[in-house]
Every structure is written in C-alpha cells, then in structure tokens.
C-alpha cells in the first residue's frame, strides 16, 4: 500500500530512475503547495526567518541549476547565486521585481528537463567537472543527486508549514 497517493512507486532497481521520479515528486509537491496562493500570500512571510514562498521557489530553481549545470557539468550558468541578495551565497533569498510564480514554475520544470538529461547521459559514479562550481575534488553525480533531493525534501516541508500558516491548507 502506498504511503501517498502521489509518491513514486517504481518497481525498478535503477537508482537513476528513482532520483528522477523523486525529484519530480518533490518539484510537483512544491508546485501543488504554491497553487492557489494569492500573489500577496506568495510574497508575504509568516516565519521568523523572513523568507516568502516565492523566495523559496526561486531558491529551488537556482539551487538545482547550481548543482547540475554549473556544478556537475561545469557549464556557464548565468547568475548562479541570483536567488541571493547581491549574489552573496549567504545572503537572503530575493525575487526580482516582476518575477511571477508561473515564470518560476516554468523555470523549475525546465531545470527538471535538464537534470533528466544529465542523469540520462552520465553514470552516477562520474565526478563533476572542474572549472564551474568546483575548483578541485568535485563530488560524484550520485552525491549531487542525494544533496539536491534532500534540499527539495527539506524545503517542501518548509513550504508545508508556510502554506498552513498562510491559509490553513495541509496535506499533499
């Protein structure tokens, strides 16, 4: 019996298939949590740390690109820290004026396609390229997948709380 109506239930021993399925699952969970929120609610924080649901979404978009494109592939990624104030990796998350939920959700899905292509074309034991995010000793693709998956899981949980505080919506 599934624990969730939407959680993946793959009958596969292929870890790449599981990574793709679970990353898709968490992206969809984030999108479901944001669906139905007003623009004001998306841009309002109800948490002591001060982040908003839209700021969390832009963070996820940039985070995935930082790890797979700029990190693993060492390809140019425009403004890799663009989700942080002044490009400071330790700064607050920020959303530029005029950026909408729909635009960020589209970017999230575009990132999903790129991640899927990376996983299709590379072995999980392969180490990331040097010259992008990594100057030396890049992690394996498997490590990057686990890291990105835990980021999504953690932040989807944060978004659960933010949504419940916003309008009482709970569950998947």
N, C-alpha and C. Protein backbone atom coordinates (compact mmCIF):
# COMPACT_ATOMS: atom_id res chain seq x y z
N UNK A 1 0.85 -1.18 0.00
CA UNK A 1 0.00 0.00 0.00
C UNK A 1 0.89 1.24 0.00
N UNK A 2 0.63 2.18 -0.92
CA UNK A 2 1.45 3.39 -0.94
C UNK A 2 1.17 4.26 0.29
N UNK A 3 2.21 4.94 0.72
CA UNK A 3 2.06 5.87 1.83
C UNK A 3 1.43 7.18 1.36
N UNK A 4 1.44 7.38 0.08
CA UNK A 4 0.97 8.63 -0.50
C UNK A 4 0.31 8.34 -1.84
N UNK A 5 -0.68 9.12 -2.18
CA UNK A 5 -1.35 8.96 -3.47
C UNK A 5 -0.47 9.42 -4.62
N UNK A 6 0.54 10.22 -4.34
CA UNK A 6 1.35 10.78 -5.41
C UNK A 6 2.83 10.40 -5.33
N UNK A 7 3.27 9.82 -4.21
CA UNK A 7 4.67 9.43 -4.10
C UNK A 7 4.98 8.32 -5.10
N UNK A 8 6.16 8.37 -5.73
CA UNK A 8 6.50 7.35 -6.73
C UNK A 8 6.56 5.95 -6.12
N UNK A 9 6.11 4.99 -6.91
CA UNK A 9 6.24 3.57 -6.53
C UNK A 9 6.82 2.85 -7.73
N UNK A 10 8.11 2.96 -7.88
CA UNK A 10 8.78 2.33 -9.01
C UNK A 10 9.16 0.89 -8.66
N UNK A 11 8.94 0.00 -9.59
CA UNK A 11 9.42 -1.36 -9.45
C UNK A 11 10.68 -1.46 -10.29
N UNK A 12 11.73 -0.83 -9.79
CA UNK A 12 12.97 -0.74 -10.54
C UNK A 12 14.15 -0.75 -9.59
N UNK A 13 15.22 -1.36 -10.03
CA UNK A 13 16.45 -1.32 -9.22
C UNK A 13 17.41 -0.24 -9.74
N UNK A 14 16.94 0.56 -10.69
CA UNK A 14 17.76 1.61 -11.29
C UNK A 14 17.72 2.87 -10.42
N UNK A 15 18.83 3.20 -9.74
CA UNK A 15 18.81 4.38 -8.88
C UNK A 15 18.54 5.67 -9.64
N UNK A 16 18.98 5.76 -10.90
CA UNK A 16 18.71 6.98 -11.67
C UNK A 16 17.21 7.18 -11.84
N UNK A 17 16.50 6.11 -12.12
CA UNK A 17 15.04 6.20 -12.28
C UNK A 17 14.40 6.69 -10.98
N UNK A 18 14.92 6.24 -9.85
CA UNK A 18 14.39 6.70 -8.57
C UNK A 18 14.70 8.17 -8.33
N UNK A 19 15.93 8.59 -8.65
CA UNK A 19 16.27 10.00 -8.49
C UNK A 19 15.35 10.88 -9.33
N UNK A 20 15.17 10.52 -10.60
CA UNK A 20 14.30 11.31 -11.48
C UNK A 20 12.88 11.34 -10.92
N UNK A 21 12.36 10.19 -10.52
CA UNK A 21 10.98 10.12 -10.02
C UNK A 21 10.80 10.93 -8.74
N UNK A 22 11.75 10.82 -7.81
CA UNK A 22 11.59 11.55 -6.56
C UNK A 22 11.85 13.05 -6.71
N UNK A 23 12.77 13.42 -7.57
CA UNK A 23 12.94 14.86 -7.82
C UNK A 23 11.67 15.42 -8.46
N UNK A 24 11.08 14.70 -9.41
CA UNK A 24 9.80 15.13 -9.99
C UNK A 24 8.72 15.23 -8.93
N UNK A 25 8.67 14.24 -8.05
CA UNK A 25 7.68 14.21 -6.97
C UNK A 25 7.79 15.47 -6.10
N UNK A 26 9.01 15.81 -5.70
CA UNK A 26 9.17 16.98 -4.83
C UNK A 26 8.93 18.29 -5.58
N UNK A 27 9.33 18.36 -6.84
CA UNK A 27 9.00 19.57 -7.62
C UNK A 27 7.49 19.73 -7.70
N UNK A 28 6.79 18.63 -7.96
CA UNK A 28 5.32 18.69 -8.03
C UNK A 28 4.71 19.07 -6.68
N UNK A 29 5.30 18.56 -5.59
CA UNK A 29 4.80 18.91 -4.26
C UNK A 29 4.94 20.41 -4.02
N UNK A 30 6.07 20.97 -4.41
CA UNK A 30 6.28 22.42 -4.27
C UNK A 30 5.25 23.17 -5.10
N UNK A 31 5.06 22.75 -6.34
CA UNK A 31 4.08 23.42 -7.21
C UNK A 31 2.67 23.32 -6.63
N UNK A 32 2.31 22.14 -6.12
CA UNK A 32 0.97 21.97 -5.51
C UNK A 32 0.78 22.91 -4.33
N UNK A 33 1.81 23.05 -3.51
CA UNK A 33 1.71 23.93 -2.34
C UNK A 33 1.53 25.39 -2.74
N UNK A 34 2.15 25.78 -3.84
CA UNK A 34 2.06 27.18 -4.28
C UNK A 34 0.78 27.47 -5.05
N UNK A 35 0.19 26.43 -5.63
CA UNK A 35 -1.04 26.61 -6.41
C UNK A 35 -2.17 27.09 -5.49
N UNK A 36 -2.87 28.09 -5.92
CA UNK A 36 -3.99 28.62 -5.15
C UNK A 36 -3.62 29.73 -4.19
N UNK A 37 -2.33 29.96 -4.00
CA UNK A 37 -1.93 31.07 -3.13
C UNK A 37 -2.03 32.37 -3.92
N UNK A 38 -2.51 33.40 -3.29
CA UNK A 38 -2.57 34.71 -3.94
C UNK A 38 -1.16 35.26 -4.10
N UNK A 39 -1.01 36.24 -4.98
CA UNK A 39 0.30 36.86 -5.15
C UNK A 39 0.77 37.48 -3.83
N UNK A 40 -0.15 38.07 -3.10
CA UNK A 40 0.22 38.67 -1.81
C UNK A 40 0.73 37.59 -0.85
N UNK A 41 0.07 36.45 -0.81
CA UNK A 41 0.50 35.36 0.08
C UNK A 41 1.85 34.80 -0.36
N UNK A 42 2.09 34.74 -1.66
CA UNK A 42 3.37 34.25 -2.17
C UNK A 42 4.52 35.16 -1.79
N UNK A 43 4.22 36.44 -1.59
CA UNK A 43 5.26 37.43 -1.32
C UNK A 43 5.29 37.88 0.14
N UNK A 44 4.55 37.16 1.00
CA UNK A 44 4.48 37.50 2.41
C UNK A 44 5.09 36.38 3.25
N UNK A 45 5.92 36.75 4.21
CA UNK A 45 6.49 35.76 5.12
C UNK A 45 5.66 35.70 6.39
N UNK A 46 5.48 34.53 6.90
CA UNK A 46 4.82 34.32 8.18
C UNK A 46 5.77 33.61 9.16
N UNK A 47 7.06 33.65 8.82
CA UNK A 47 8.06 32.91 9.58
C UNK A 47 9.10 33.86 10.16
N UNK A 48 9.64 33.54 11.32
CA UNK A 48 10.65 34.42 11.92
C UNK A 48 11.87 34.64 11.03
N UNK A 49 12.24 33.66 10.22
CA UNK A 49 13.41 33.81 9.36
C UNK A 49 13.15 34.78 8.20
N UNK A 50 11.89 35.02 7.88
CA UNK A 50 11.54 36.06 6.93
C UNK A 50 11.40 35.67 5.48
N UNK A 51 11.68 34.43 5.08
CA UNK A 51 11.55 34.07 3.67
C UNK A 51 10.08 33.91 3.28
N UNK A 52 9.82 34.15 2.00
CA UNK A 52 8.47 34.03 1.46
C UNK A 52 8.39 32.78 0.59
N UNK A 53 7.18 32.27 0.32
CA UNK A 53 7.07 31.12 -0.57
C UNK A 53 7.70 31.34 -1.95
N UNK A 54 7.55 32.53 -2.50
CA UNK A 54 8.14 32.81 -3.82
C UNK A 54 9.67 32.83 -3.73
N UNK A 55 10.21 33.31 -2.62
CA UNK A 55 11.67 33.29 -2.44
C UNK A 55 12.17 31.85 -2.34
N UNK A 56 11.43 31.00 -1.67
CA UNK A 56 11.83 29.59 -1.59
C UNK A 56 11.82 28.96 -2.98
N UNK A 57 10.83 29.30 -3.79
CA UNK A 57 10.75 28.77 -5.15
C UNK A 57 11.93 29.21 -6.00
N UNK A 58 12.29 30.48 -5.94
CA UNK A 58 13.44 30.93 -6.74
C UNK A 58 14.73 30.27 -6.25
N UNK A 59 14.81 30.03 -4.95
CA UNK A 59 15.97 29.32 -4.41
C UNK A 59 16.08 27.92 -5.02
N UNK A 60 14.96 27.19 -5.08
CA UNK A 60 14.99 25.84 -5.64
C UNK A 60 15.40 25.84 -7.11
N UNK A 61 14.91 26.81 -7.86
CA UNK A 61 15.28 26.91 -9.28
C UNK A 61 16.79 27.08 -9.42
N UNK A 62 17.35 28.03 -8.67
CA UNK A 62 18.78 28.30 -8.76
C UNK A 62 19.61 27.16 -8.17
N UNK A 63 19.15 26.59 -7.06
CA UNK A 63 19.89 25.52 -6.40
C UNK A 63 20.11 24.35 -7.34
N UNK A 64 19.06 23.91 -8.03
CA UNK A 64 19.19 22.77 -8.92
C UNK A 64 20.15 23.08 -10.07
N UNK A 65 20.06 24.27 -10.62
CA UNK A 65 20.97 24.67 -11.71
C UNK A 65 22.42 24.75 -11.20
N UNK A 66 22.60 25.27 -9.98
CA UNK A 66 23.96 25.36 -9.43
C UNK A 66 24.62 23.98 -9.33
N UNK A 67 23.84 22.99 -8.91
CA UNK A 67 24.43 21.67 -8.70
C UNK A 67 24.62 20.88 -9.98
N UNK A 68 23.64 20.89 -10.88
CA UNK A 68 23.74 20.03 -12.07
C UNK A 68 24.42 20.72 -13.25
N UNK A 69 24.11 21.96 -13.52
CA UNK A 69 24.65 22.64 -14.70
C UNK A 69 26.01 23.27 -14.37
N UNK A 70 26.02 24.19 -13.43
CA UNK A 70 27.26 24.88 -13.08
C UNK A 70 28.20 23.94 -12.33
N UNK A 71 27.63 23.08 -11.49
CA UNK A 71 28.45 22.16 -10.70
C UNK A 71 28.90 20.95 -11.49
N UNK A 72 28.00 20.00 -11.71
CA UNK A 72 28.40 18.75 -12.34
C UNK A 72 28.96 18.94 -13.75
N UNK A 73 28.26 19.69 -14.58
CA UNK A 73 28.71 19.88 -15.97
C UNK A 73 29.78 20.95 -16.13
N UNK A 74 29.93 21.83 -15.14
CA UNK A 74 30.85 22.97 -15.20
C UNK A 74 30.53 23.88 -16.38
N UNK A 75 29.25 23.98 -16.72
CA UNK A 75 28.82 24.89 -17.78
C UNK A 75 28.51 26.25 -17.18
N UNK A 76 28.57 27.25 -18.02
CA UNK A 76 28.20 28.59 -17.60
C UNK A 76 26.73 28.59 -17.16
N UNK A 77 26.48 29.11 -16.01
CA UNK A 77 25.12 29.28 -15.51
C UNK A 77 24.98 30.77 -15.19
N UNK A 78 24.14 31.47 -15.93
CA UNK A 78 24.02 32.91 -15.67
C UNK A 78 23.56 33.16 -14.24
N UNK A 79 24.29 34.01 -13.55
CA UNK A 79 23.92 34.44 -12.21
C UNK A 79 23.60 33.26 -11.28
N UNK A 80 24.58 32.37 -11.03
CA UNK A 80 24.29 31.17 -10.24
C UNK A 80 23.78 31.46 -8.83
N UNK A 81 24.12 32.60 -8.28
CA UNK A 81 23.63 32.96 -6.95
C UNK A 81 22.56 34.04 -7.05
N UNK A 82 21.84 34.10 -8.17
CA UNK A 82 20.81 35.11 -8.39
C UNK A 82 19.62 35.02 -7.47
N UNK A 83 19.52 33.94 -6.71
CA UNK A 83 18.44 33.82 -5.73
C UNK A 83 18.81 34.47 -4.40
N UNK A 84 20.05 34.94 -4.29
CA UNK A 84 20.53 35.54 -3.04
C UNK A 84 20.78 37.03 -3.24
N UNK A 85 20.50 37.81 -2.22
CA UNK A 85 20.72 39.26 -2.27
C UNK A 85 22.17 39.55 -2.63
N UNK A 86 22.37 40.41 -3.61
CA UNK A 86 23.68 40.84 -4.07
C UNK A 86 24.58 39.68 -4.52
N UNK A 87 23.98 38.53 -4.89
CA UNK A 87 24.77 37.39 -5.34
C UNK A 87 25.61 36.75 -4.24
N UNK A 88 25.34 37.10 -2.99
CA UNK A 88 26.07 36.57 -1.85
C UNK A 88 25.48 35.21 -1.47
N UNK A 89 26.26 34.12 -1.58
CA UNK A 89 25.73 32.79 -1.28
C UNK A 89 25.14 32.66 0.12
N UNK A 90 25.50 33.56 1.01
CA UNK A 90 24.98 33.52 2.38
C UNK A 90 23.90 34.57 2.62
N UNK A 91 23.58 35.32 1.57
CA UNK A 91 22.57 36.37 1.69
C UNK A 91 21.15 35.82 1.65
N UNK A 92 20.22 36.68 1.95
CA UNK A 92 18.80 36.35 1.89
C UNK A 92 18.37 35.98 0.49
N UNK A 93 17.37 35.12 0.39
CA UNK A 93 16.77 34.85 -0.91
C UNK A 93 16.00 36.08 -1.35
N UNK A 94 16.04 36.37 -2.63
CA UNK A 94 15.32 37.53 -3.17
C UNK A 94 14.68 37.14 -4.51
N UNK A 95 13.57 37.80 -4.81
CA UNK A 95 12.88 37.63 -6.09
C UNK A 95 12.86 39.00 -6.76
N UNK A 96 13.45 39.09 -7.94
CA UNK A 96 13.44 40.39 -8.64
C UNK A 96 12.01 40.86 -8.91
N UNK A 97 11.83 42.15 -8.97
CA UNK A 97 10.53 42.73 -9.28
C UNK A 97 10.02 42.16 -10.60
N UNK A 98 8.74 41.87 -10.64
CA UNK A 98 8.11 41.41 -11.87
C UNK A 98 8.20 39.92 -12.12
N UNK A 99 8.99 39.19 -11.32
CA UNK A 99 9.09 37.75 -11.50
C UNK A 99 7.87 37.10 -10.84
N UNK A 100 7.21 36.22 -11.59
CA UNK A 100 5.96 35.61 -11.12
C UNK A 100 6.15 34.14 -10.75
N UNK A 101 5.16 33.63 -10.03
CA UNK A 101 5.13 32.21 -9.70
C UNK A 101 5.17 31.39 -10.98
N UNK A 102 4.34 31.75 -11.96
CA UNK A 102 4.27 30.96 -13.19
C UNK A 102 5.61 30.91 -13.91
N UNK A 103 6.32 32.03 -13.95
CA UNK A 103 7.63 32.05 -14.60
C UNK A 103 8.61 31.16 -13.85
N UNK A 104 8.57 31.20 -12.53
CA UNK A 104 9.48 30.37 -11.74
C UNK A 104 9.11 28.90 -11.83
N UNK A 105 7.83 28.57 -11.86
CA UNK A 105 7.42 27.17 -12.03
C UNK A 105 7.88 26.66 -13.39
N UNK A 106 7.76 27.49 -14.42
CA UNK A 106 8.25 27.10 -15.75
C UNK A 106 9.76 26.86 -15.70
N UNK A 107 10.50 27.70 -14.99
CA UNK A 107 11.94 27.52 -14.85
C UNK A 107 12.26 26.25 -14.06
N UNK A 108 11.44 25.95 -13.07
CA UNK A 108 11.61 24.73 -12.29
C UNK A 108 11.48 23.50 -13.20
N UNK A 109 10.48 23.52 -14.08
CA UNK A 109 10.27 22.39 -15.00
C UNK A 109 11.35 22.33 -16.07
N UNK A 110 11.84 23.46 -16.52
CA UNK A 110 12.95 23.47 -17.47
C UNK A 110 14.20 22.86 -16.81
N UNK A 111 14.40 23.20 -15.56
CA UNK A 111 15.52 22.61 -14.81
C UNK A 111 15.36 21.10 -14.67
N UNK A 112 14.13 20.66 -14.51
CA UNK A 112 13.87 19.22 -14.40
C UNK A 112 14.27 18.51 -15.68
N UNK A 113 13.95 19.11 -16.81
CA UNK A 113 14.33 18.51 -18.10
C UNK A 113 15.85 18.42 -18.23
N UNK A 114 16.52 19.47 -17.82
CA UNK A 114 17.99 19.49 -17.92
C UNK A 114 18.58 18.45 -16.98
N UNK A 115 18.06 18.35 -15.77
CA UNK A 115 18.55 17.35 -14.82
C UNK A 115 18.32 15.95 -15.36
N UNK A 116 17.14 15.71 -15.93
CA UNK A 116 16.85 14.40 -16.51
C UNK A 116 17.83 14.05 -17.61
N UNK A 117 18.20 15.03 -18.43
CA UNK A 117 19.17 14.79 -19.50
C UNK A 117 20.55 14.47 -18.92
N UNK A 118 20.94 15.18 -17.87
CA UNK A 118 22.23 14.90 -17.22
C UNK A 118 22.24 13.47 -16.71
N UNK A 119 21.17 13.07 -16.05
CA UNK A 119 21.12 11.71 -15.50
C UNK A 119 21.08 10.66 -16.60
N UNK A 120 20.45 10.96 -17.71
CA UNK A 120 20.39 10.01 -18.82
C UNK A 120 21.76 9.83 -19.47
N UNK A 121 22.57 10.88 -19.47
CA UNK A 121 23.83 10.87 -20.21
C UNK A 121 25.07 10.54 -19.38
N UNK A 122 24.92 10.43 -18.06
CA UNK A 122 26.09 10.25 -17.20
C UNK A 122 25.86 9.16 -16.18
N UNK A 123 26.95 8.50 -15.82
CA UNK A 123 26.92 7.47 -14.79
C UNK A 123 26.92 8.13 -13.41
N UNK A 124 26.24 7.53 -12.46
CA UNK A 124 26.16 8.11 -11.12
C UNK A 124 27.53 8.17 -10.42
N UNK A 125 28.44 7.31 -10.81
CA UNK A 125 29.77 7.30 -10.20
C UNK A 125 30.70 8.37 -10.79
N UNK A 126 30.27 9.01 -11.88
CA UNK A 126 31.09 10.03 -12.54
C UNK A 126 31.21 11.27 -11.64
N UNK A 127 32.40 11.81 -11.59
CA UNK A 127 32.63 13.03 -10.81
C UNK A 127 32.32 14.24 -11.66
N UNK A 128 31.87 15.30 -11.00
CA UNK A 128 31.60 16.54 -11.69
C UNK A 128 32.85 17.10 -12.32
N UNK A 129 32.64 17.97 -13.29
CA UNK A 129 33.77 18.61 -13.98
C UNK A 129 34.35 19.72 -13.11
N UNK A 130 35.62 19.97 -13.30
CA UNK A 130 36.29 21.08 -12.63
C UNK A 130 36.19 22.30 -13.53
N UNK A 131 36.01 23.45 -12.93
CA UNK A 131 36.01 24.68 -13.71
C UNK A 131 34.73 25.47 -13.63
N UNK A 132 33.68 24.89 -13.13
CA UNK A 132 32.45 25.62 -12.90
C UNK A 132 32.37 25.96 -11.43
N UNK A 133 31.51 25.26 -10.74
CA UNK A 133 31.36 25.46 -9.31
C UNK A 133 32.57 24.91 -8.55
N UNK A 134 33.17 23.87 -9.10
CA UNK A 134 34.22 23.16 -8.37
C UNK A 134 35.59 23.47 -8.94
N UNK A 135 36.50 23.85 -8.07
CA UNK A 135 37.89 24.10 -8.45
C UNK A 135 38.73 22.84 -8.33
N UNK A 136 38.34 21.95 -7.44
CA UNK A 136 39.06 20.69 -7.23
C UNK A 136 38.13 19.72 -6.50
N UNK A 137 38.40 18.44 -6.63
CA UNK A 137 37.67 17.39 -5.91
C UNK A 137 36.15 17.49 -6.03
N UNK A 138 35.61 17.52 -7.23
CA UNK A 138 34.16 17.58 -7.36
C UNK A 138 33.50 16.29 -6.89
N UNK A 139 32.29 16.38 -6.40
CA UNK A 139 31.58 15.18 -5.94
C UNK A 139 31.07 14.35 -7.12
N UNK A 140 30.63 13.14 -6.81
CA UNK A 140 30.03 12.28 -7.82
C UNK A 140 28.61 12.76 -8.14
N UNK A 141 28.12 12.32 -9.28
CA UNK A 141 26.74 12.64 -9.64
C UNK A 141 25.77 12.05 -8.63
N UNK A 142 26.06 10.88 -8.09
CA UNK A 142 25.20 10.28 -7.06
C UNK A 142 25.12 11.20 -5.84
N UNK A 143 26.26 11.72 -5.39
CA UNK A 143 26.26 12.62 -4.23
C UNK A 143 25.42 13.86 -4.52
N UNK A 144 25.62 14.42 -5.71
CA UNK A 144 24.86 15.62 -6.10
C UNK A 144 23.36 15.31 -6.09
N UNK A 145 22.99 14.16 -6.63
CA UNK A 145 21.56 13.78 -6.64
C UNK A 145 21.00 13.70 -5.22
N UNK A 146 21.73 13.04 -4.32
CA UNK A 146 21.26 12.95 -2.94
C UNK A 146 21.15 14.33 -2.31
N UNK A 147 22.14 15.18 -2.56
CA UNK A 147 22.11 16.52 -1.98
C UNK A 147 20.90 17.31 -2.47
N UNK A 148 20.67 17.30 -3.79
CA UNK A 148 19.55 18.05 -4.35
C UNK A 148 18.23 17.47 -3.87
N UNK A 149 18.14 16.15 -3.78
CA UNK A 149 16.92 15.51 -3.28
C UNK A 149 16.62 15.93 -1.85
N UNK A 150 17.64 15.97 -0.99
CA UNK A 150 17.39 16.38 0.39
C UNK A 150 17.02 17.86 0.47
N UNK A 151 17.58 18.68 -0.42
CA UNK A 151 17.19 20.10 -0.44
C UNK A 151 15.71 20.22 -0.77
N UNK A 152 15.27 19.49 -1.81
CA UNK A 152 13.86 19.54 -2.18
C UNK A 152 12.97 19.03 -1.05
N UNK A 153 13.33 17.91 -0.44
CA UNK A 153 12.51 17.35 0.62
C UNK A 153 12.40 18.31 1.80
N UNK A 154 13.53 18.87 2.20
CA UNK A 154 13.55 19.80 3.34
C UNK A 154 12.71 21.04 3.03
N UNK A 155 12.92 21.62 1.86
CA UNK A 155 12.21 22.85 1.54
C UNK A 155 10.73 22.61 1.23
N UNK A 156 10.37 21.45 0.72
CA UNK A 156 8.95 21.13 0.55
C UNK A 156 8.28 21.07 1.92
N UNK A 157 8.97 20.54 2.91
CA UNK A 157 8.44 20.53 4.28
C UNK A 157 8.30 21.94 4.83
N UNK A 158 9.29 22.79 4.57
CA UNK A 158 9.18 24.19 4.99
C UNK A 158 7.96 24.85 4.35
N UNK A 159 7.76 24.55 3.08
CA UNK A 159 6.63 25.14 2.36
C UNK A 159 5.30 24.63 2.91
N UNK A 160 5.27 23.38 3.38
CA UNK A 160 4.06 22.86 4.03
C UNK A 160 3.66 23.76 5.20
N UNK A 161 4.64 24.12 6.01
CA UNK A 161 4.38 24.96 7.18
C UNK A 161 3.94 26.36 6.74
N UNK A 162 4.66 26.93 5.78
CA UNK A 162 4.32 28.28 5.31
C UNK A 162 2.90 28.31 4.75
N UNK A 163 2.52 27.29 4.00
CA UNK A 163 1.18 27.26 3.42
C UNK A 163 0.13 27.12 4.50
N UNK A 164 0.36 26.26 5.47
CA UNK A 164 -0.60 26.09 6.55
C UNK A 164 -0.78 27.39 7.33
N UNK A 165 0.31 28.10 7.58
CA UNK A 165 0.21 29.38 8.28
C UNK A 165 -0.49 30.44 7.42
N UNK A 166 -0.35 30.32 6.11
CA UNK A 166 -0.95 31.31 5.22
C UNK A 166 -2.46 31.18 5.14
N UNK A 167 -2.93 29.96 4.86
CA UNK A 167 -4.39 29.82 4.66
C UNK A 167 -4.97 28.53 5.24
N UNK A 168 -4.17 27.79 5.99
CA UNK A 168 -4.68 26.58 6.63
C UNK A 168 -4.61 25.33 5.78
N UNK A 169 -4.19 25.42 4.52
CA UNK A 169 -4.13 24.24 3.64
C UNK A 169 -3.05 23.28 4.14
N UNK A 170 -3.43 22.02 4.23
CA UNK A 170 -2.49 20.99 4.66
C UNK A 170 -2.57 19.79 3.73
N UNK A 171 -1.64 18.88 3.89
CA UNK A 171 -1.64 17.65 3.10
C UNK A 171 -1.01 17.84 1.74
N UNK A 172 -1.00 16.73 1.00
CA UNK A 172 -0.36 16.76 -0.31
C UNK A 172 -1.26 17.46 -1.30
